[in-house]
C-alpha cells in the first residue's frame, strides 16, 4: 500500500471549506426534479459566506423554483492534496438590482455561451469538506 493510500482523510473546518471554494470557479449544483435529482455544472463565486451563480432560463431554474433546497459541490487540488466541499442550502433568485450589484455576480465569466440573466444565491444551511492525498493508479 502506498503512503497516499494509507494517509487519513482530513475533515475540513468551515473556514477551510470557504477558502477552498473561493479558489475554484466551477462547481456542481444538485437540484430536485420531483423524485429524481439532477446535477448541473455552474461557474460560481463566493462572497460573504454565500455562493452566487448565473443561469439561463430552463430546467435548472424551474427545478429551483419548485424546490429551492439544493446541494452544491466543488473540488480541486491544493498543495498536492485533493479536496471536496459540499454546501447544502437554499437557492433563491436575486430579485433587485441592489442585490445583484452587491453580489458581484455580473462580473462572473461563464464557460457556456448562453445568455444568463438569472442571478442566484445559495444561502448555506451546512458546509462540509474533506482533503486527502491522491492515490493515482497507472495501468
Protein backbone atom coordinates (compact mmCIF):
# COMPACT_ATOMS: atom_id res chain seq x y z
CA UNK A 1 0.00 0.00 0.00
CA UNK A 2 1.35 3.43 -0.89
CA UNK A 3 1.70 6.30 1.57
CA UNK A 4 -1.05 8.21 -0.31
CA UNK A 5 -3.46 5.29 0.00
CA UNK A 6 -2.84 4.95 3.75
CA UNK A 7 -2.96 8.68 4.55
CA UNK A 8 -6.03 9.73 6.50
CA UNK A 9 -8.85 11.82 5.18
CA UNK A 10 -8.81 15.23 6.83
CA UNK A 11 -12.14 16.77 7.81
CA UNK A 12 -12.05 20.46 6.93
CA UNK A 13 -13.21 23.33 9.10
CA UNK A 14 -15.88 25.67 7.74
CA UNK A 15 -13.19 28.32 7.29
CA UNK A 16 -11.04 25.90 5.25
CA UNK A 17 -14.08 24.96 3.16
CA UNK A 18 -14.86 28.59 2.29
CA UNK A 19 -11.23 29.30 1.46
CA UNK A 20 -11.05 26.34 -0.91
CA UNK A 21 -14.41 27.19 -2.52
CA UNK A 22 -13.10 30.70 -3.13
CA UNK A 23 -10.19 29.22 -5.11
CA UNK A 24 -12.44 27.27 -7.50
CA UNK A 25 -14.53 28.54 -10.37
CA UNK A 26 -16.66 25.53 -11.42
CA UNK A 27 -18.92 23.51 -9.17
CA UNK A 28 -21.88 21.17 -9.43
CA UNK A 29 -25.38 22.14 -8.44
CA UNK A 30 -27.70 19.30 -7.41
CA UNK A 31 -31.42 20.08 -7.65
CA UNK A 32 -34.51 18.01 -7.08
CA UNK A 33 -36.74 17.15 -10.02
CA UNK A 34 -39.69 15.57 -8.28
CA UNK A 35 -38.38 12.22 -7.05
CA UNK A 36 -35.18 12.49 -9.11
CA UNK A 37 -32.05 14.58 -8.59
CA UNK A 38 -30.26 16.34 -11.43
CA UNK A 39 -26.77 17.85 -11.41
CA UNK A 40 -25.61 20.89 -13.38
CA UNK A 41 -22.09 22.31 -13.70
CA UNK A 42 -22.01 26.03 -12.91
CA UNK A 43 -19.42 28.78 -12.72
CA UNK A 44 -19.73 30.47 -9.36
CA UNK A 45 -18.30 32.93 -6.92
CA UNK A 46 -18.18 33.06 -3.16
CA UNK A 47 -18.97 36.24 -1.27
CA UNK A 48 -19.78 36.81 2.41
CA UNK A 49 -20.43 33.13 3.14
CA UNK A 50 -22.79 32.60 0.22
CA UNK A 51 -22.47 31.14 -3.27
CA UNK A 52 -23.63 33.00 -6.37
CA UNK A 53 -24.11 31.78 -9.93
CA UNK A 54 -25.80 32.86 -13.15
CA UNK A 55 -28.25 30.77 -15.15
CA UNK A 56 -30.11 30.89 -18.43
CA UNK A 57 -33.83 30.12 -18.33
CA UNK A 58 -34.55 26.41 -18.38
CA UNK A 59 -34.77 23.25 -16.34
CA UNK A 60 -32.35 24.32 -13.61
CA UNK A 61 -34.36 27.44 -12.80
CA UNK A 62 -37.67 25.55 -12.97
CA UNK A 63 -36.37 22.93 -10.52
CA UNK A 64 -35.07 25.61 -8.13
CA UNK A 65 -38.42 27.40 -8.25
CA UNK A 66 -40.29 24.16 -7.48
CA UNK A 67 -37.90 23.14 -4.68
CA UNK A 68 -35.19 25.60 -3.60
CA UNK A 69 -33.34 23.09 -1.39
CA UNK A 70 -30.07 22.32 -3.18
CA UNK A 71 -26.65 20.82 -2.72
CA UNK A 72 -23.54 22.33 -4.23
CA UNK A 73 -20.17 20.63 -4.60
CA UNK A 74 -16.77 21.79 -5.79
CA UNK A 75 -13.44 20.03 -5.69
CA UNK A 76 -9.86 20.55 -6.66
CA UNK A 77 -6.22 20.08 -5.82
CA UNK A 78 -4.32 22.31 -3.41
CA UNK A 79 -0.79 21.71 -2.17
CA UNK A 80 -0.81 18.26 -3.85
CA UNK A 81 -3.88 17.22 -1.86
CA UNK A 82 -7.32 16.63 -3.32
CA UNK A 83 -10.25 18.35 -1.65
CA UNK A 84 -14.03 18.32 -1.90
CA UNK A 85 -16.53 20.71 -0.32
CA UNK A 86 -20.31 20.25 -0.15
CA UNK A 87 -22.75 23.03 0.72
CA UNK A 88 -26.39 22.29 1.43
CA UNK A 89 -28.79 25.19 1.44
CA UNK A 90 -31.49 27.19 -0.24
CA UNK A 91 -31.22 28.72 -3.71
CA UNK A 92 -33.08 31.95 -4.41
CA UNK A 93 -33.15 34.15 -7.46
CA UNK A 94 -31.86 37.65 -6.74
CA UNK A 95 -34.79 39.97 -7.22
CA UNK A 96 -33.45 43.51 -7.11
CA UNK A 97 -30.74 45.46 -8.87
CA UNK A 98 -29.27 46.29 -5.45
CA UNK A 99 -28.89 42.58 -4.58
CA UNK A 100 -27.40 41.79 -7.99
CA UNK A 101 -24.88 44.63 -7.85
CA UNK A 102 -23.89 43.88 -4.24
CA UNK A 103 -23.25 40.22 -5.05
CA UNK A 104 -20.70 40.96 -7.78
CA UNK A 105 -22.27 38.26 -9.94
CA UNK A 106 -22.42 40.42 -13.07
CA UNK A 107 -18.62 40.24 -13.34
CA UNK A 108 -18.63 36.42 -13.25
CA UNK A 109 -17.49 34.93 -16.53
CA UNK A 110 -19.18 31.71 -17.52
CA UNK A 111 -17.87 29.00 -19.80
CA UNK A 112 -21.17 28.40 -21.56
CA UNK A 113 -22.03 30.79 -24.42
CA UNK A 114 -25.72 31.11 -23.43
CA UNK A 115 -27.08 34.39 -22.09
CA UNK A 116 -27.63 34.13 -18.35
CA UNK A 117 -29.97 36.72 -16.86
CA UNK A 118 -30.96 34.78 -13.75
CA UNK A 119 -28.75 35.57 -10.76
CA UNK A 120 -28.97 33.04 -7.94
CA UNK A 121 -27.73 32.96 -4.34
CA UNK A 122 -27.25 29.79 -2.32
CA UNK A 123 -27.68 30.51 1.37
CA UNK A 124 -25.97 27.66 3.23
CA UNK A 125 -27.59 25.56 5.91
CA UNK A 126 -24.43 23.45 6.23
CA UNK A 127 -20.95 23.17 4.78
CA UNK A 128 -18.57 20.22 4.99
CA UNK A 129 -15.41 19.13 3.29
CA UNK A 130 -12.51 16.76 3.22
CA UNK A 131 -8.95 16.74 1.99
CA UNK A 132 -6.79 13.72 1.20
CA UNK A 133 -3.72 12.62 -0.72
CA UNK A 134 -4.39 11.43 -4.25
CA UNK A 135 -3.84 7.76 -4.94
CA UNK A 136 -3.40 7.70 -8.71
CA UNK A 137 -3.03 4.31 -10.29
CA UNK A 138 -1.31 3.67 -13.55
CA UNK A 139 -2.48 0.89 -15.84
